[in-house]
Protein backbone atom coordinates (compact mmCIF):
# COMPACT_ATOMS: atom_id res chain seq x y z
CA MET A 1 0.00 0.00 0.00
CA PHE A 2 2.77 2.42 0.93
CA LYS A 3 4.71 1.69 -2.25
CA LYS A 4 1.68 2.37 -4.45
CA THR A 5 0.96 5.64 -2.62
CA ALA A 6 4.60 6.70 -2.91
CA MET A 7 4.61 5.96 -6.65
CA TYR A 8 1.51 8.08 -7.18
CA LEU A 9 3.05 10.91 -5.17
CA VAL A 10 6.29 10.73 -7.19
CA SER A 11 4.24 10.59 -10.37
CA TYR A 12 2.32 13.74 -9.47
CA VAL A 13 5.50 15.59 -8.48
CA LEU A 14 7.15 14.63 -11.78
CA THR A 15 4.04 15.70 -13.69
CA PHE A 16 4.09 19.05 -11.89
CA PHE A 17 7.76 19.63 -12.74
CA SER A 18 7.15 18.56 -16.32
CA VAL A 19 4.32 21.04 -16.79
CA LEU A 20 6.35 23.74 -15.04
CA ALA A 21 9.33 23.17 -17.36
CA PHE A 22 7.10 23.07 -20.45
CA VAL A 23 5.33 26.34 -19.62
CA THR A 24 8.62 28.01 -18.69
CA CYS A 25 10.23 27.03 -21.99
CA LEU A 26 7.29 28.19 -24.04
CA GLY A 27 6.96 31.39 -22.02
CA TYR A 28 10.61 32.25 -22.51
CA TYR A 29 10.42 31.63 -26.23
CA LEU A 30 7.23 33.60 -26.70
CA LEU A 31 7.75 36.47 -24.24
CA PHE A 32 11.46 37.04 -23.60
CA PHE A 33 13.33 35.76 -26.65
CA ASP A 34 15.16 38.49 -28.57
CA TRP A 35 14.36 38.05 -32.25
CA HIS A 36 16.75 40.81 -33.34
CA THR A 37 19.92 38.71 -33.21
CA SER A 38 21.86 36.71 -35.74
CA ALA A 39 20.43 33.63 -37.44
CA MET A 40 22.97 31.41 -35.67
CA SER A 41 21.86 32.67 -32.26
CA ILE A 42 18.21 32.07 -33.16
CA ALA A 43 19.05 28.55 -34.35
CA ILE A 44 20.99 27.71 -31.18
CA ASN A 45 18.18 29.00 -28.96
CA ALA A 46 15.60 27.07 -31.00
CA VAL A 47 17.56 23.84 -30.55
CA VAL A 48 17.92 24.42 -26.81
CA ILE A 49 14.22 25.19 -26.43
CA LEU A 50 13.25 22.10 -28.46
CA LEU A 51 15.51 19.90 -26.34
CA SER A 52 14.01 21.37 -23.16
CA ILE A 53 10.47 20.78 -24.38
CA THR A 54 11.39 17.24 -25.42
CA ALA A 55 12.85 16.61 -21.97
CA SER A 56 9.71 17.90 -20.26
CA ILE A 57 7.53 15.65 -22.44
CA ALA A 58 9.80 12.70 -21.64
CA ILE A 59 9.50 13.41 -17.92
CA TYR A 60 5.71 13.54 -18.30
CA GLY A 61 5.72 10.21 -20.12
CA PHE A 62 7.84 8.64 -17.40
CA ALA A 63 5.49 10.00 -14.73
CA GLU A 64 2.48 8.54 -16.52
CA LYS A 65 4.26 5.19 -16.80
CA LEU A 66 4.86 5.20 -13.03
CA LYS A 67 1.11 5.43 -12.40
CA LYS A 68 0.45 2.11 -14.14
């Protein structure tokens, strides 16, 4: 019983951090990103943001797998 409860708690904490990371990445890209830089800088930031979003989706997937 305790193990199942602990897994659900860990799952919800991971889901929270995943959503927090996802919203933070999208918010930075939409609200704070400086579009008036070189194309290389834009490309590097786009790759970093895509990797961060991919990581947050992977964390969410792992959290959902823990629930089952």
